[in-house]
PDB file of N, CA and C in Angstrom:
ATOM      1  N   MET A   1     -18.804 113.406 -53.706  1.00  0.00           N
ATOM      2  CA  MET A   1     -19.763 113.664 -52.661  1.00  0.00           C
ATOM      3  C   MET A   1     -20.361 112.292 -52.211  1.00  0.00           C
ATOM      4  N   PRO A   2     -20.399 112.100 -50.938  1.00  0.00           N
ATOM      5  CA  PRO A   2     -20.997 110.844 -50.368  1.00  0.00           C
ATOM      6  C   PRO A   2     -22.508 110.699 -50.638  1.00  0.00           C
ATOM      7  N   LYS A   3     -22.867 109.439 -50.838  1.00  0.00           N
ATOM      8  CA  LYS A   3     -24.251 109.190 -51.082  1.00  0.00           C
ATOM      9  C   LYS A   3     -25.058 109.392 -49.757  1.00  0.00           C
ATOM     10  N   THR A   4     -26.184 109.956 -49.879  1.00  0.00           N
ATOM     11  CA  THR A   4     -27.093 110.135 -48.692  1.00  0.00           C
ATOM     12  C   THR A   4     -27.878 108.886 -48.570  1.00  0.00           C
ATOM     13  N   LYS A   5     -28.262 108.522 -47.399  1.00  0.00           N
ATOM     14  CA  LYS A   5     -29.133 107.262 -47.232  1.00  0.00           C
ATOM     15  C   LYS A   5     -30.483 107.581 -47.606  1.00  0.00           C
ATOM     16  N   GLN A   6     -31.003 106.704 -48.513  1.00  0.00           N
ATOM     17  CA  GLN A   6     -32.391 106.893 -49.036  1.00  0.00           C
ATOM     18  C   GLN A   6     -33.311 106.120 -48.203  1.00  0.00           C
ATOM     19  N   SER A   7     -34.551 106.745 -48.026  1.00  0.00           N
ATOM     20  CA  SER A   7     -35.603 106.045 -47.278  1.00  0.00           C
ATOM     21  C   SER A   7     -36.105 104.842 -48.124  1.00  0.00           C
ATOM     22  N   THR A   8     -36.905 104.012 -47.447  1.00  0.00           N
ATOM     23  CA  THR A   8     -37.460 102.858 -48.139  1.00  0.00           C
ATOM     24  C   THR A   8     -38.419 103.441 -49.211  1.00  0.00           C
ATOM     25  N   LYS A   9     -39.144 104.425 -48.911  1.00  0.00           N
ATOM     26  CA  LYS A   9     -40.068 104.977 -49.953  1.00  0.00           C
ATOM     27  C   LYS A   9     -39.292 105.484 -51.109  1.00  0.00           C
ATOM     28  N   GLU A  10     -38.180 106.223 -50.886  1.00  0.00           N
ATOM     29  CA  GLU A  10     -37.331 106.665 -52.015  1.00  0.00           C
ATOM     30  C   GLU A  10     -36.793 105.591 -52.819  1.00  0.00           C
ATOM     31  N   LYS A  11     -36.370 104.433 -52.153  1.00  0.00           N
ATOM     32  CA  LYS A  11     -35.811 103.334 -52.877  1.00  0.00           C
ATOM     33  C   LYS A  11     -36.885 102.667 -53.780  1.00  0.00           C
ATOM     34  N   PHE A  12     -38.115 102.545 -53.302  1.00  0.00           N
ATOM     35  CA  PHE A  12     -39.151 102.024 -54.077  1.00  0.00           C
ATOM     36  C   PHE A  12     -39.452 102.956 -55.326  1.00  0.00           C
ATOM     37  N   HIS A  13     -39.421 104.247 -55.065  1.00  0.00           N
ATOM     38  CA  HIS A  13     -39.674 105.184 -56.176  1.00  0.00           C
ATOM     39  C   HIS A  13     -38.580 105.065 -57.221  1.00  0.00           C
ATOM     40  N   LYS A  14     -37.323 104.949 -56.786  1.00  0.00           N
ATOM     41  CA  LYS A  14     -36.197 104.831 -57.714  1.00  0.00           C
ATOM     42  C   LYS A  14     -36.333 103.529 -58.478  1.00  0.00           C
ATOM     43  N   LEU A  15     -36.783 102.431 -57.836  1.00  0.00           N
ATOM     44  CA  LEU A  15     -36.933 101.158 -58.532  1.00  0.00           C
ATOM     45  C   LEU A  15     -38.045 101.306 -59.593  1.00  0.00           C
ATOM     46  N   GLU A  16     -39.137 101.984 -59.220  1.00  0.00           N
ATOM     47  CA  GLU A  16     -40.149 102.192 -60.187  1.00  0.00           C
ATOM     48  C   GLU A  16     -39.660 102.968 -61.435  1.00  0.00           C
ATOM     49  N   GLU A  17     -38.738 104.011 -61.222  1.00  0.00           N
ATOM     50  CA  GLU A  17     -38.164 104.752 -62.297  1.00  0.00           C
ATOM     51  C   GLU A  17     -37.332 103.880 -63.201  1.00  0.00           C
ATOM     52  N   ILE A  18     -36.543 103.030 -62.476  1.00  0.00           N
ATOM     53  CA  ILE A  18     -35.723 102.033 -63.261  1.00  0.00           C
ATOM     54  C   ILE A  18     -36.502 101.110 -64.190  1.00  0.00           C
ATOM     55  N   VAL A  19     -37.553 100.526 -63.571  1.00  0.00           N
ATOM     56  CA  VAL A  19     -38.388  99.690 -64.392  1.00  0.00           C
ATOM     57  C   VAL A  19     -39.053 100.370 -65.586  1.00  0.00           C
ATOM     58  N   ALA A  20     -39.517 101.584 -65.353  1.00  0.00           N
ATOM     59  CA  ALA A  20     -40.147 102.412 -66.466  1.00  0.00           C
ATOM     60  C   ALA A  20     -39.110 102.629 -67.499  1.00  0.00           C
ATOM     61  N   GLU A  21     -37.841 102.953 -67.123  1.00  0.00           N
ATOM     62  CA  GLU A  21     -36.853 103.219 -68.155  1.00  0.00           C
ATOM     63  C   GLU A  21     -36.495 101.943 -68.885  1.00  0.00           C
ATOM     64  N   LEU A  22     -36.346 100.844 -68.194  1.00  0.00           N
ATOM     65  CA  LEU A  22     -35.973  99.578 -68.875  1.00  0.00           C
ATOM     66  C   LEU A  22     -37.085  99.101 -69.835  1.00  0.00           C
ATOM     67  N   GLU A  23     -38.399  99.475 -69.545  1.00  0.00           N
ATOM     68  CA  GLU A  23     -39.485  99.155 -70.449  1.00  0.00           C
ATOM     69  C   GLU A  23     -39.438  99.993 -71.689  1.00  0.00           C
ATOM     70  N   ASN A  24     -38.701 101.052 -71.692  1.00  0.00           N
ATOM     71  CA  ASN A  24     -38.495 101.894 -72.830  1.00  0.00           C
ATOM     72  C   ASN A  24     -37.600 101.246 -73.871  1.00  0.00           C
ATOM     73  N   SER A  25     -38.031 100.865 -75.047  1.00  0.00           N
ATOM     74  CA  SER A  25     -37.300 100.166 -76.002  1.00  0.00           C
ATOM     75  C   SER A  25     -36.077 100.971 -76.597  1.00  0.00           C
ATOM     76  N   ASP A  26     -36.068 102.260 -76.235  1.00  0.00           N
ATOM     77  CA  ASP A  26     -35.015 103.084 -76.798  1.00  0.00           C
ATOM     78  C   ASP A  26     -33.703 103.081 -75.994  1.00  0.00           C
ATOM     79  N   VAL A  27     -33.681 102.344 -74.875  1.00  0.00           N
ATOM     80  CA  VAL A  27     -32.489 102.297 -73.953  1.00  0.00           C
ATOM     81  C   VAL A  27     -31.407 101.425 -74.606  1.00  0.00           C
ATOM     82  N   ASP A  28     -30.182 101.971 -74.727  1.00  0.00           N
ATOM     83  CA  ASP A  28     -29.127 101.210 -75.265  1.00  0.00           C
ATOM     84  C   ASP A  28     -28.711 100.111 -74.286  1.00  0.00           C
ATOM     85  N   ILE A  29     -28.023  99.058 -74.768  1.00  0.00           N
ATOM     86  CA  ILE A  29     -27.670  97.908 -74.009  1.00  0.00           C
ATOM     87  C   ILE A  29     -26.797  98.230 -72.714  1.00  0.00           C
ATOM     88  N   ASP A  30     -25.832  99.107 -72.890  1.00  0.00           N
ATOM     89  CA  ASP A  30     -25.005  99.446 -71.749  1.00  0.00           C
ATOM     90  C   ASP A  30     -25.698 100.175 -70.641  1.00  0.00           C
ATOM     91  N   LYS A  31     -26.614 101.119 -71.023  1.00  0.00           N
ATOM     92  CA  LYS A  31     -27.403 101.762 -70.013  1.00  0.00           C
ATOM     93  C   LYS A  31     -28.441 100.799 -69.430  1.00  0.00           C
ATOM     94  N   ALA A  32     -28.989  99.900 -70.178  1.00  0.00           N
ATOM     95  CA  ALA A  32     -29.927  98.900 -69.718  1.00  0.00           C
ATOM     96  C   ALA A  32     -29.249  98.020 -68.648  1.00  0.00           C
ATOM     97  N   LEU A  33     -28.012  97.665 -68.900  1.00  0.00           N
ATOM     98  CA  LEU A  33     -27.296  96.781 -67.963  1.00  0.00           C
ATOM     99  C   LEU A  33     -27.004  97.482 -66.664  1.00  0.00           C
ATOM    100  N   LYS A  34     -26.630  98.708 -66.763  1.00  0.00           N
ATOM    101  CA  LYS A  34     -26.317  99.498 -65.603  1.00  0.00           C
ATOM    102  C   LYS A  34     -27.654  99.662 -64.751  1.00  0.00           C
ATOM    103  N   LEU A  35     -28.764  99.952 -65.403  1.00  0.00           N
ATOM    104  CA  LEU A  35     -30.083 100.202 -64.730  1.00  0.00           C
ATOM    105  C   LEU A  35     -30.380  98.823 -64.052  1.00  0.00           C
ATOM    106  N   TYR A  36     -30.239  97.741 -64.774  1.00  0.00           N
ATOM    107  CA  TYR A  36     -30.527  96.427 -64.210  1.00  0.00           C
ATOM    108  C   TYR A  36     -29.800  96.123 -62.925  1.00  0.00           C
ATOM    109  N   LYS A  37     -28.455  96.437 -62.990  1.00  0.00           N
ATOM    110  CA  LYS A  37     -27.618  96.225 -61.798  1.00  0.00           C
ATOM    111  C   LYS A  37     -28.052  97.093 -60.621  1.00  0.00           C
ATOM    112  N   ASP A  38     -28.316  98.394 -60.944  1.00  0.00           N
ATOM    113  CA  ASP A  38     -28.810  99.321 -59.941  1.00  0.00           C
ATOM    114  C   ASP A  38     -30.144  98.774 -59.369  1.00  0.00           C
ATOM    115  N   GLY A  39     -31.017  98.294 -60.177  1.00  0.00           N
ATOM    116  CA  GLY A  39     -32.208  97.772 -59.707  1.00  0.00           C
ATOM    117  C   GLY A  39     -32.110  96.544 -58.783  1.00  0.00           C
ATOM    118  N   VAL A  40     -31.148  95.640 -59.088  1.00  0.00           N
ATOM    119  CA  VAL A  40     -30.910  94.461 -58.335  1.00  0.00           C
ATOM    120  C   VAL A  40     -30.316  94.990 -56.902  1.00  0.00           C
ATOM    121  N   ASP A  41     -29.452  95.915 -56.928  1.00  0.00           N
ATOM    122  CA  ASP A  41     -28.942  96.402 -55.658  1.00  0.00           C
ATOM    123  C   ASP A  41     -30.024  96.980 -54.764  1.00  0.00           C
ATOM    124  N   ILE A  42     -30.987  97.756 -55.369  1.00  0.00           N
ATOM    125  CA  ILE A  42     -32.108  98.255 -54.586  1.00  0.00           C
ATOM    126  C   ILE A  42     -32.980  97.145 -54.067  1.00  0.00           C
ATOM    127  N   VAL A  43     -33.253  96.140 -54.850  1.00  0.00           N
ATOM    128  CA  VAL A  43     -34.154  95.073 -54.446  1.00  0.00           C
ATOM    129  C   VAL A  43     -33.395  94.303 -53.274  1.00  0.00           C
ATOM    130  N   CYS A  44     -32.104  94.157 -53.355  1.00  0.00           N
ATOM    131  CA  CYS A  44     -31.369  93.453 -52.216  1.00  0.00           C
ATOM    132  C   CYS A  44     -31.490  94.302 -50.977  1.00  0.00           C
ATOM    133  N   ASP A  45     -31.268  95.621 -51.090  1.00  0.00           N
ATOM    134  CA  ASP A  45     -31.306  96.554 -49.917  1.00  0.00           C
ATOM    135  C   ASP A  45     -32.714  96.380 -49.266  1.00  0.00           C
ATOM    136  N   LEU A  46     -33.785  96.465 -50.117  1.00  0.00           N
ATOM    137  CA  LEU A  46     -35.228  96.435 -49.620  1.00  0.00           C
ATOM    138  C   LEU A  46     -35.449  95.117 -49.039  1.00  0.00           C
ATOM    139  N   SER A  47     -34.966  94.007 -49.535  1.00  0.00           N
ATOM    140  CA  SER A  47     -35.157  92.686 -49.049  1.00  0.00           C
ATOM    141  C   SER A  47     -34.474  92.596 -47.672  1.00  0.00           C
ATOM    142  N   GLY A  48     -33.360  93.045 -47.572  1.00  0.00           N
ATOM    143  CA  GLY A  48     -32.642  93.159 -46.253  1.00  0.00           C
ATOM    144  C   GLY A  48     -33.358  93.819 -45.204  1.00  0.00           C
ATOM    145  N   ARG A  49     -33.931  95.020 -45.597  1.00  0.00           N
ATOM    146  CA  ARG A  49     -34.663  95.866 -44.675  1.00  0.00           C
ATOM    147  C   ARG A  49     -35.957  95.135 -44.257  1.00  0.00           C
ATOM    148  N   LEU A  50     -36.691  94.484 -45.134  1.00  0.00           N
ATOM    149  CA  LEU A  50     -37.830  93.731 -44.870  1.00  0.00           C
ATOM    150  C   LEU A  50     -37.515  92.663 -43.809  1.00  0.00           C
ATOM    151  N   LYS A  51     -36.365  91.958 -43.996  1.00  0.00           N
ATOM    152  CA  LYS A  51     -35.994  90.936 -43.012  1.00  0.00           C
ATOM    153  C   LYS A  51     -35.725  91.474 -41.708  1.00  0.00           C
ATOM    154  N   ASP A  52     -35.048  92.637 -41.598  1.00  0.00           N
ATOM    155  CA  ASP A  52     -34.793  93.297 -40.385  1.00  0.00           C
ATOM    156  C   ASP A  52     -36.075  93.673 -39.674  1.00  0.00           C
ATOM    157  N   VAL A  53     -37.034  94.218 -40.367  1.00  0.00           N
ATOM    158  CA  VAL A  53     -38.285  94.658 -39.786  1.00  0.00           C
ATOM    159  C   VAL A  53     -39.078  93.438 -39.347  1.00  0.00           C
ATOM    160  N   SER A  54     -39.065  92.340 -40.204  1.00  0.00           N
ATOM    161  CA  SER A  54     -39.891  91.209 -39.730  1.00  0.00           C
ATOM    162  C   SER A  54     -39.335  90.516 -38.414  1.00  0.00           C
ATOM    163  N   LYS A  55     -38.048  90.678 -38.184  1.00  0.00           N
ATOM    164  CA  LYS A  55     -37.521  90.194 -36.908  1.00  0.00           C
ATOM    165  C   LYS A  55     -38.072  91.023 -35.687  1.00  0.00           C
ATOM    166  N   GLU A  56     -38.499  92.182 -35.912  1.00  0.00           N
ATOM    167  CA  GLU A  56     -38.956  93.134 -34.827  1.00  0.00           C
ATOM    168  C   GLU A  56     -40.468  92.894 -34.667  1.00  0.00           C
ATOM    169  N   ILE A  57     -41.182  92.213 -35.472  1.00  0.00           N
ATOM    170  CA  ILE A  57     -42.619  92.077 -35.385  1.00  0.00           C
ATOM    171  C   ILE A  57     -42.922  90.957 -34.385  1.00  0.00           C
ATOM    172  N   ASN A  58     -43.832  91.249 -33.523  1.00  0.00           N
ATOM    173  CA  ASN A  58     -44.290  90.223 -32.548  1.00  0.00           C
ATOM    174  C   ASN A  58     -45.742  89.989 -32.834  1.00  0.00           C
ATOM    175  N   ILE A  59     -46.215  88.772 -32.586  1.00  0.00           N
ATOM    176  CA  ILE A  59     -47.628  88.462 -32.795  1.00  0.00           C
ATOM    177  C   ILE A  59     -48.243  88.258 -31.456  1.00  0.00           C
ATOM    178  N   LEU A  60     -49.408  88.922 -31.286  1.00  0.00           N
ATOM    179  CA  LEU A  60     -50.071  88.884 -30.036  1.00  0.00           C
ATOM    180  C   LEU A  60     -51.096  87.715 -30.127  1.00  0.00           C
ATOM    181  N   LYS A  61     -50.855  86.702 -29.171  1.00  0.00           N
ATOM    182  CA  LYS A  61     -51.712  85.571 -29.247  1.00  0.00           C
ATOM    183  C   LYS A  61     -52.448  85.389 -27.930  1.00  0.00           C
ATOM    184  N   GLU A  62     -53.736  85.009 -28.051  1.00  0.00           N
ATOM    185  CA  GLU A  62     -54.539  84.797 -26.855  1.00  0.00           C
ATOM    186  C   GLU A  62     -54.514  83.276 -26.509  1.00  0.00           C
ATOM    187  N   LYS A  63     -54.104  83.044 -25.244  1.00  0.00           N
ATOM    188  CA  LYS A  63     -54.020  81.674 -24.758  1.00  0.00           C
ATOM    189  C   LYS A  63     -55.401  81.141 -24.305  1.00  0.00           C
ATOM    190  N   LEU A  64     -55.512  79.901 -24.109  1.00  0.00           N
ATOM    191  CA  LEU A  64     -56.769  79.313 -23.724  1.00  0.00           C
ATOM    192  C   LEU A  64     -57.354  79.894 -22.368  1.00  0.00           C
ATOM    193  N   ASP A  65     -56.450  80.266 -21.496  1.00  0.00           N
ATOM    194  CA  ASP A  65     -56.865  80.847 -20.212  1.00  0.00           C
ATOM    195  C   ASP A  65     -57.262  82.379 -20.329  1.00  0.00           C
ATOM    196  N   GLY A  66     -57.263  82.876 -21.455  1.00  0.00           N
ATOM    197  CA  GLY A  66     -57.582  84.330 -21.663  1.00  0.00           C
ATOM    198  C   GLY A  66     -56.473  85.256 -21.579  1.00  0.00           C
ATOM    199  N   ALA A  67     -55.258  84.825 -21.209  1.00  0.00           N
ATOM    200  CA  ALA A  67     -54.094  85.674 -21.117  1.00  0.00           C
ATOM    201  C   ALA A  67     -53.499  85.771 -22.530  1.00  0.00           C
ATOM    202  N   PHE A  68     -52.726  86.861 -22.723  1.00  0.00           N
ATOM    203  CA  PHE A  68     -52.107  87.064 -23.951  1.00  0.00           C
ATOM    204  C   PHE A  68     -50.607  86.886 -23.894  1.00  0.00           C
ATOM    205  N   SER A  69     -50.008  86.477 -24.999  1.00  0.00           N
ATOM    206  CA  SER A  69     -48.591  86.407 -25.045  1.00  0.00           C
ATOM    207  C   SER A  69     -48.061  86.961 -26.346  1.00  0.00           C
ATOM    208  N   LEU A  70     -46.840  87.430 -26.330  1.00  0.00           N
ATOM    209  CA  LEU A  70     -46.158  87.893 -27.536  1.00  0.00           C
ATOM    210  C   LEU A  70     -45.164  86.834 -28.046  1.00  0.00           C
ATOM    211  N   ASP A  71     -45.388  86.439 -29.288  1.00  0.00           N
ATOM    212  CA  ASP A  71     -44.508  85.415 -29.858  1.00  0.00           C
ATOM    213  C   ASP A  71     -43.799  86.061 -31.054  1.00  0.00           C
ATOM    214  N   PRO A  72     -42.599  85.683 -31.349  1.00  0.00           N
ATOM    215  CA  PRO A  72     -41.840  86.244 -32.440  1.00  0.00           C
ATOM    216  C   PRO A  72     -42.532  85.863 -33.739  1.00  0.00           C
ATOM    217  N   PHE A  73     -42.428  86.800 -34.666  1.00  0.00           N
ATOM    218  CA  PHE A  73     -42.880  86.520 -36.088  1.00  0.00           C
ATOM    219  C   PHE A  73     -41.968  85.565 -36.669  1.00  0.00           C
ATOM    220  N   GLU A  74     -42.476  84.515 -37.337  1.00  0.00           N
ATOM    221  CA  GLU A  74     -41.708  83.499 -38.004  1.00  0.00           C
ATOM    222  C   GLU A  74     -41.959  83.679 -39.533  1.00  0.00           C
ATOM    223  N   GLY A  75     -41.087  84.372 -40.125  1.00  0.00           N
ATOM    224  CA  GLY A  75     -41.094  84.576 -41.634  1.00  0.00           C
ATOM    225  C   GLY A  75     -40.327  83.480 -42.283  1.00  0.00           C
ATOM    226  N   ASP A  76     -40.227  83.529 -43.580  1.00  0.00           N
ATOM    227  CA  ASP A  76     -39.447  82.500 -44.364  1.00  0.00           C
ATOM    228  C   ASP A  76     -37.949  82.982 -44.294  1.00  0.00           C
ATOM    229  N   GLU A  77     -37.208  82.487 -43.313  1.00  0.00           N
ATOM    230  CA  GLU A  77     -35.855  82.820 -43.156  1.00  0.00           C
ATOM    231  C   GLU A  77     -34.894  82.351 -44.287  1.00  0.00           C
ATOM    232  N   ASP A  78     -35.274  81.316 -44.977  1.00  0.00           N
ATOM    233  CA  ASP A  78     -34.333  80.787 -46.011  1.00  0.00           C
ATOM    234  C   ASP A  78     -34.361  81.510 -47.350  1.00  0.00           C
ATOM    235  N   ASP A  79     -35.447  82.293 -47.603  1.00  0.00           N
ATOM    236  CA  ASP A  79     -35.585  82.922 -48.864  1.00  0.00           C
ATOM    237  C   ASP A  79     -34.923  84.280 -48.828  1.00  0.00           C
ATOM    238  N   ASN A  80     -33.737  84.427 -49.463  1.00  0.00           N
ATOM    239  CA  ASN A  80     -33.070  85.616 -49.505  1.00  0.00           C
ATOM    240  C   ASN A  80     -33.147  86.303 -50.865  1.00  0.00           C
ATOM    241  N   GLY A  81     -33.846  85.738 -51.806  1.00  0.00           N
ATOM    242  CA  GLY A  81     -34.051  86.347 -53.108  1.00  0.00           C
ATOM    243  C   GLY A  81     -32.844  86.421 -53.949  1.00  0.00           C
ATOM    244  N   GLY A  82     -31.818  85.681 -53.612  1.00  0.00           N
ATOM    245  CA  GLY A  82     -30.599  85.730 -54.375  1.00  0.00           C
ATOM    246  C   GLY A  82     -29.658  86.859 -53.997  1.00  0.00           C
ATOM    247  N   CYS A  83     -29.971  87.533 -52.944  1.00  0.00           N
ATOM    248  CA  CYS A  83     -29.072  88.698 -52.453  1.00  0.00           C
ATOM    249  C   CYS A  83     -28.047  88.270 -51.495  1.00  0.00           C
TER     250      CYS A  83
END
Protein backbone atom coordinates (compact mmCIF):
# COMPACT_ATOMS: atom_id res chain seq x y z
CA MET A 1 0.00 0.00 0.00
CA PRO A 2 1.48 3.41 -0.95
CA LYS A 3 2.23 5.90 1.79
CA THR A 4 -0.15 8.82 2.06
CA LYS A 5 1.38 12.25 2.27
CA GLN A 6 1.47 13.46 5.85
CA SER A 7 0.72 17.05 6.80
CA THR A 8 3.33 19.11 8.58
CA LYS A 9 1.31 18.80 11.78
CA GLU A 10 1.19 15.01 11.45
CA LYS A 11 4.95 14.90 10.89
CA PHE A 12 5.58 16.94 14.04
CA HIS A 13 3.27 14.62 15.97
CA LYS A 14 5.08 11.54 14.65
CA LEU A 15 8.43 13.09 15.57
CA GLU A 16 7.17 13.71 19.11
CA GLU A 17 6.09 10.05 19.32
CA ILE A 18 9.53 8.91 18.16
CA VAL A 19 11.29 11.10 20.73
CA ALA A 20 9.04 9.79 23.51
CA GLU A 21 9.72 6.21 22.50
CA LEU A 22 13.47 6.78 22.28
CA GLU A 23 13.41 8.28 25.77
CA ASN A 24 12.00 4.97 27.00
CA SER A 25 14.94 2.95 28.27
CA ASP A 26 13.19 -0.33 27.38
CA VAL A 27 13.64 0.11 23.61
CA ASP A 28 16.03 -2.44 22.13
CA ILE A 29 18.97 -1.19 20.06
CA ASP A 30 17.62 -2.30 16.67
CA LYS A 31 14.28 -0.58 17.20
CA ALA A 32 16.04 2.52 18.56
CA LEU A 33 18.19 2.72 15.43
CA LYS A 34 15.14 2.44 13.17
CA LEU A 35 13.30 5.10 15.18
CA TYR A 36 16.33 7.37 15.00
CA LYS A 37 16.56 7.00 11.21
CA ASP A 38 12.82 7.64 10.85
CA GLY A 39 13.19 10.75 13.02
CA VAL A 40 16.06 12.07 10.92
CA ASP A 41 14.00 11.55 7.76
CA ILE A 42 11.11 13.51 9.26
CA VAL A 43 13.41 16.33 10.39
CA CYS A 44 14.88 16.57 6.89
CA ASP A 45 11.39 16.67 5.35
CA LEU A 46 10.30 19.40 7.75
CA SER A 47 13.51 21.36 7.17
CA GLY A 48 12.94 21.25 3.41
CA ARG A 49 9.34 22.37 3.86
CA LEU A 50 10.44 25.26 6.06
CA LYS A 51 12.92 26.38 3.39
CA ASP A 52 10.20 26.24 0.74
CA VAL A 53 7.86 28.31 2.86
CA SER A 54 10.54 30.87 3.73
CA LYS A 55 11.11 31.47 0.02
CA GLU A 56 7.47 32.49 -0.30
CA ILE A 57 7.55 34.99 2.55
CA ASN A 58 7.83 38.62 1.63
CA ILE A 59 8.61 41.43 4.01
CA LEU A 60 6.61 44.61 3.80
CA LYS A 61 8.92 47.60 4.20
CA GLU A 62 8.03 51.26 4.43
CA LYS A 63 10.31 53.52 2.43
CA LEU A 64 11.34 57.01 3.50
CA ASP A 65 8.78 58.55 1.13
CA GLY A 66 5.95 56.65 2.83
CA ALA A 67 5.52 54.12 0.04
CA PHE A 68 5.69 50.42 0.77
CA SER A 69 7.67 47.73 -0.98
CA LEU A 70 7.76 43.95 -0.78
CA ASP A 71 11.21 42.49 -0.34
CA PRO A 72 12.05 38.79 -0.35
CA PHE A 73 12.67 37.12 2.98
CA GLU A 74 16.36 36.40 3.45
CA GLY A 75 16.80 33.36 5.65
CA ASP A 76 19.93 31.37 6.33
CA GLU A 77 20.32 29.63 2.98
CA ASP A 78 23.52 27.78 3.89
CA ASP A 79 22.16 25.89 6.90
CA ASN A 80 20.59 22.65 5.72
CA GLY A 81 20.84 20.85 9.06
CA GLY A 82 22.78 17.98 7.51
CA CYS A 83 19.91 16.91 5.25
